[in-house]
Amino acid sequence: TAAKGLPPLDSRSGLKALKDDVDELRSHMGALLNAYETDNGKVFFDKVPDSVPENESLACGLMMMKAEEYKLEDVEPAPLQVG
């Protein structure tokens, strides 16, 4: 529900002065949740085609190569001096 996460407002609540605003927020969040669930339920996907028509295929492909291992040069570390 949209009220999840919002504490109930009773006579001891610090949010008592904001009761009308909190009720309006709960109503608005409930409406947003319902709209989202309705839209999300209407999503559909096309079947993946078994082949690509000749007029829609790419002009040329992409050549994939093996990654080259990155190597650091062998260097002699500089000595640290405190003094």
N, C-alpha and C. Protein backbone atom coordinates (compact mmCIF):
# COMPACT_ATOMS: atom_id res chain seq x y z
N THR A 1 0.84 -1.19 0.00
CA THR A 1 0.00 0.00 0.00
C THR A 1 0.87 1.25 0.00
N ALA A 2 0.27 2.37 -0.27
CA ALA A 2 1.02 3.62 -0.29
C ALA A 2 1.37 4.09 1.11
N ALA A 3 0.69 3.56 2.13
CA ALA A 3 0.94 3.99 3.51
C ALA A 3 2.18 3.32 4.07
N LYS A 4 2.70 2.32 3.42
CA LYS A 4 3.87 1.62 3.94
C LYS A 4 5.02 2.61 4.10
N GLY A 5 5.63 2.58 5.27
CA GLY A 5 6.74 3.48 5.54
C GLY A 5 6.33 4.74 6.27
N LEU A 6 5.08 5.09 6.21
CA LEU A 6 4.59 6.26 6.95
C LEU A 6 3.91 5.76 8.22
N PRO A 7 4.31 6.26 9.37
CA PRO A 7 3.68 5.80 10.62
C PRO A 7 2.24 6.28 10.70
N PRO A 8 1.42 5.53 11.42
CA PRO A 8 0.04 6.01 11.60
C PRO A 8 0.03 7.29 12.44
N LEU A 9 -0.86 8.18 12.10
CA LEU A 9 -0.93 9.46 12.81
C LEU A 9 -1.98 9.36 13.90
N ASP A 10 -1.55 9.43 15.14
CA ASP A 10 -2.49 9.45 16.26
C ASP A 10 -2.32 10.77 17.00
N SER A 11 -2.99 10.90 18.13
CA SER A 11 -2.96 12.17 18.85
C SER A 11 -1.59 12.50 19.42
N ARG A 12 -0.71 11.50 19.57
CA ARG A 12 0.63 11.74 20.12
C ARG A 12 1.67 11.98 19.02
N SER A 13 1.31 11.78 17.78
CA SER A 13 2.27 11.89 16.68
C SER A 13 2.75 13.32 16.48
N GLY A 14 4.05 13.45 16.17
CA GLY A 14 4.60 14.77 15.86
C GLY A 14 4.13 15.28 14.52
N LEU A 15 3.57 14.39 13.71
CA LEU A 15 3.09 14.78 12.38
C LEU A 15 1.59 15.11 12.39
N LYS A 16 0.99 15.19 13.59
CA LYS A 16 -0.45 15.44 13.70
C LYS A 16 -0.86 16.70 12.94
N ALA A 17 -0.03 17.74 12.99
CA ALA A 17 -0.35 19.00 12.31
C ALA A 17 -0.35 18.84 10.79
N LEU A 18 0.32 17.80 10.31
CA LEU A 18 0.41 17.59 8.87
C LEU A 18 -0.53 16.48 8.38
N LYS A 19 -1.53 16.12 9.20
CA LYS A 19 -2.40 14.99 8.87
C LYS A 19 -3.03 15.13 7.49
N ASP A 20 -3.56 16.29 7.16
CA ASP A 20 -4.20 16.48 5.85
C ASP A 20 -3.18 16.30 4.72
N ASP A 21 -1.98 16.85 4.90
CA ASP A 21 -0.94 16.70 3.88
C ASP A 21 -0.51 15.25 3.73
N VAL A 22 -0.36 14.54 4.85
CA VAL A 22 0.05 13.14 4.81
C VAL A 22 -1.04 12.29 4.15
N ASP A 23 -2.30 12.56 4.45
CA ASP A 23 -3.40 11.83 3.81
C ASP A 23 -3.41 12.09 2.31
N GLU A 24 -3.16 13.32 1.90
CA GLU A 24 -3.10 13.65 0.48
C GLU A 24 -1.91 12.95 -0.19
N LEU A 25 -0.78 12.89 0.51
CA LEU A 25 0.40 12.19 0.00
C LEU A 25 0.10 10.72 -0.19
N ARG A 26 -0.52 10.10 0.82
CA ARG A 26 -0.87 8.68 0.72
C ARG A 26 -1.79 8.43 -0.48
N SER A 27 -2.76 9.28 -0.66
CA SER A 27 -3.70 9.15 -1.78
C SER A 27 -2.96 9.28 -3.12
N HIS A 28 -2.09 10.27 -3.21
CA HIS A 28 -1.32 10.51 -4.44
C HIS A 28 -0.40 9.33 -4.74
N MET A 29 0.31 8.83 -3.71
CA MET A 29 1.21 7.70 -3.91
C MET A 29 0.44 6.45 -4.32
N GLY A 30 -0.75 6.26 -3.76
CA GLY A 30 -1.59 5.13 -4.15
C GLY A 30 -2.01 5.23 -5.60
N ALA A 31 -2.36 6.44 -6.04
CA ALA A 31 -2.74 6.65 -7.44
C ALA A 31 -1.56 6.39 -8.37
N LEU A 32 -0.37 6.86 -7.98
CA LEU A 32 0.82 6.61 -8.79
C LEU A 32 1.12 5.12 -8.89
N LEU A 33 1.01 4.41 -7.77
CA LEU A 33 1.26 2.97 -7.77
C LEU A 33 0.27 2.25 -8.67
N ASN A 34 -1.00 2.62 -8.59
CA ASN A 34 -2.01 1.98 -9.46
C ASN A 34 -1.73 2.27 -10.92
N ALA A 35 -1.37 3.51 -11.26
CA ALA A 35 -1.06 3.86 -12.65
C ALA A 35 0.15 3.09 -13.14
N TYR A 36 1.17 2.97 -12.29
CA TYR A 36 2.38 2.23 -12.68
C TYR A 36 2.04 0.76 -12.93
N GLU A 37 1.29 0.15 -12.01
CA GLU A 37 0.95 -1.26 -12.17
C GLU A 37 0.09 -1.48 -13.41
N THR A 38 -0.80 -0.55 -13.72
CA THR A 38 -1.62 -0.67 -14.92
C THR A 38 -0.76 -0.59 -16.17
N ASP A 39 0.12 0.42 -16.25
CA ASP A 39 0.99 0.57 -17.41
C ASP A 39 1.96 -0.60 -17.53
N ASN A 40 2.49 -1.04 -16.41
CA ASN A 40 3.46 -2.14 -16.42
C ASN A 40 2.80 -3.43 -16.89
N GLY A 41 1.52 -3.60 -16.59
CA GLY A 41 0.79 -4.79 -17.02
C GLY A 41 0.49 -4.80 -18.51
N LYS A 42 0.59 -3.65 -19.17
CA LYS A 42 0.28 -3.56 -20.60
C LYS A 42 1.50 -3.76 -21.49
N VAL A 43 2.68 -3.89 -20.88
CA VAL A 43 3.91 -4.03 -21.66
C VAL A 43 3.89 -5.38 -22.38
N PHE A 44 4.25 -5.38 -23.63
CA PHE A 44 4.34 -6.62 -24.38
C PHE A 44 5.62 -6.60 -25.20
N PHE A 45 6.09 -7.77 -25.58
CA PHE A 45 7.33 -7.88 -26.33
C PHE A 45 7.06 -8.61 -27.62
N ASP A 46 7.75 -8.19 -28.68
CA ASP A 46 7.65 -8.87 -29.96
C ASP A 46 8.49 -10.13 -29.93
N LYS A 47 8.08 -11.12 -30.69
CA LYS A 47 8.85 -12.35 -30.81
C LYS A 47 10.17 -12.03 -31.52
N VAL A 48 11.25 -12.62 -31.04
CA VAL A 48 12.55 -12.42 -31.67
C VAL A 48 12.54 -13.14 -33.02
N PRO A 49 12.86 -12.44 -34.11
CA PRO A 49 12.81 -13.08 -35.43
C PRO A 49 13.90 -14.15 -35.59
N ASP A 50 13.60 -15.18 -36.40
CA ASP A 50 14.57 -16.24 -36.66
C ASP A 50 15.65 -15.78 -37.63
N SER A 51 15.32 -14.83 -38.49
CA SER A 51 16.30 -14.31 -39.44
C SER A 51 16.02 -12.82 -39.67
N VAL A 52 17.03 -12.13 -40.17
CA VAL A 52 16.91 -10.70 -40.45
C VAL A 52 16.70 -10.51 -41.94
N PRO A 53 15.68 -9.77 -42.34
CA PRO A 53 15.48 -9.53 -43.77
C PRO A 53 16.71 -8.85 -44.39
N GLU A 54 16.98 -9.16 -45.63
CA GLU A 54 18.17 -8.66 -46.31
C GLU A 54 18.24 -7.13 -46.31
N ASN A 55 17.12 -6.47 -46.48
CA ASN A 55 17.12 -5.00 -46.53
C ASN A 55 17.31 -4.36 -45.16
N GLU A 56 17.22 -5.14 -44.07
CA GLU A 56 17.41 -4.60 -42.73
C GLU A 56 18.72 -5.03 -42.08
N SER A 57 19.51 -5.81 -42.80
CA SER A 57 20.77 -6.27 -42.22
C SER A 57 21.82 -5.16 -42.29
N LEU A 58 22.84 -5.26 -41.44
CA LEU A 58 23.90 -4.26 -41.42
C LEU A 58 24.79 -4.40 -42.65
N ALA A 59 25.33 -3.26 -43.10
CA ALA A 59 26.18 -3.26 -44.29
C ALA A 59 27.48 -4.04 -44.04
N CYS A 60 28.06 -3.85 -42.87
CA CYS A 60 29.28 -4.59 -42.56
C CYS A 60 29.25 -4.92 -41.07
N GLY A 61 29.96 -5.97 -40.72
CA GLY A 61 29.97 -6.41 -39.34
C GLY A 61 31.06 -5.74 -38.53
N LEU A 62 31.18 -6.12 -37.30
CA LEU A 62 32.18 -5.60 -36.39
C LEU A 62 33.19 -6.70 -36.14
N MET A 63 34.48 -6.39 -36.31
CA MET A 63 35.52 -7.39 -36.11
C MET A 63 35.97 -7.34 -34.65
N MET A 64 35.78 -8.45 -33.96
CA MET A 64 36.17 -8.54 -32.56
C MET A 64 37.55 -9.17 -32.49
N MET A 65 38.41 -8.61 -31.66
CA MET A 65 39.77 -9.15 -31.51
C MET A 65 39.99 -9.52 -30.05
N LYS A 66 40.95 -10.39 -29.83
CA LYS A 66 41.30 -10.77 -28.47
C LYS A 66 41.92 -9.57 -27.76
N ALA A 67 41.65 -9.48 -26.49
CA ALA A 67 42.21 -8.37 -25.71
C ALA A 67 43.71 -8.58 -25.55
N GLU A 68 44.44 -7.48 -25.62
CA GLU A 68 45.89 -7.54 -25.42
C GLU A 68 46.18 -7.28 -23.94
N GLU A 69 47.01 -8.12 -23.36
CA GLU A 69 47.35 -7.96 -21.95
C GLU A 69 48.21 -6.70 -21.77
N TYR A 70 47.86 -5.89 -20.79
CA TYR A 70 48.59 -4.66 -20.51
C TYR A 70 49.74 -5.00 -19.56
N LYS A 71 50.95 -4.60 -19.93
CA LYS A 71 52.12 -4.88 -19.10
C LYS A 71 52.83 -3.58 -18.76
N LEU A 72 53.24 -3.49 -17.52
CA LEU A 72 54.02 -2.33 -17.06
C LEU A 72 55.49 -2.59 -17.33
N GLU A 73 56.22 -1.52 -17.58
CA GLU A 73 57.67 -1.65 -17.76
C GLU A 73 58.31 -1.99 -16.43
N ASP A 74 59.41 -2.75 -16.49
CA ASP A 74 60.15 -3.04 -15.27
C ASP A 74 60.98 -1.80 -14.91
N VAL A 75 60.72 -1.25 -13.76
CA VAL A 75 61.45 -0.06 -13.32
C VAL A 75 61.99 -0.32 -11.92
N GLU A 76 63.04 0.42 -11.58
CA GLU A 76 63.58 0.31 -10.23
C GLU A 76 62.95 1.39 -9.38
N PRO A 77 62.37 1.01 -8.24
CA PRO A 77 61.70 2.01 -7.42
C PRO A 77 62.69 3.01 -6.84
N ALA A 78 62.26 4.24 -6.71
CA ALA A 78 63.09 5.30 -6.12
C ALA A 78 63.10 5.10 -4.60
N PRO A 79 64.25 5.19 -4.00
CA PRO A 79 64.31 5.02 -2.53
C PRO A 79 63.67 6.21 -1.82
N LEU A 80 62.98 5.92 -0.73
CA LEU A 80 62.38 6.99 0.07
C LEU A 80 63.37 7.42 1.15
N GLN A 81 63.54 8.70 1.27
CA GLN A 81 64.48 9.21 2.29
C GLN A 81 63.75 10.16 3.21
N VAL A 82 63.97 9.97 4.49
CA VAL A 82 63.39 10.88 5.47
C VAL A 82 64.56 11.64 6.08
N GLY A 83 64.52 12.89 5.98
CA GLY A 83 65.66 13.58 6.56
C GLY A 83 65.66 14.96 6.34
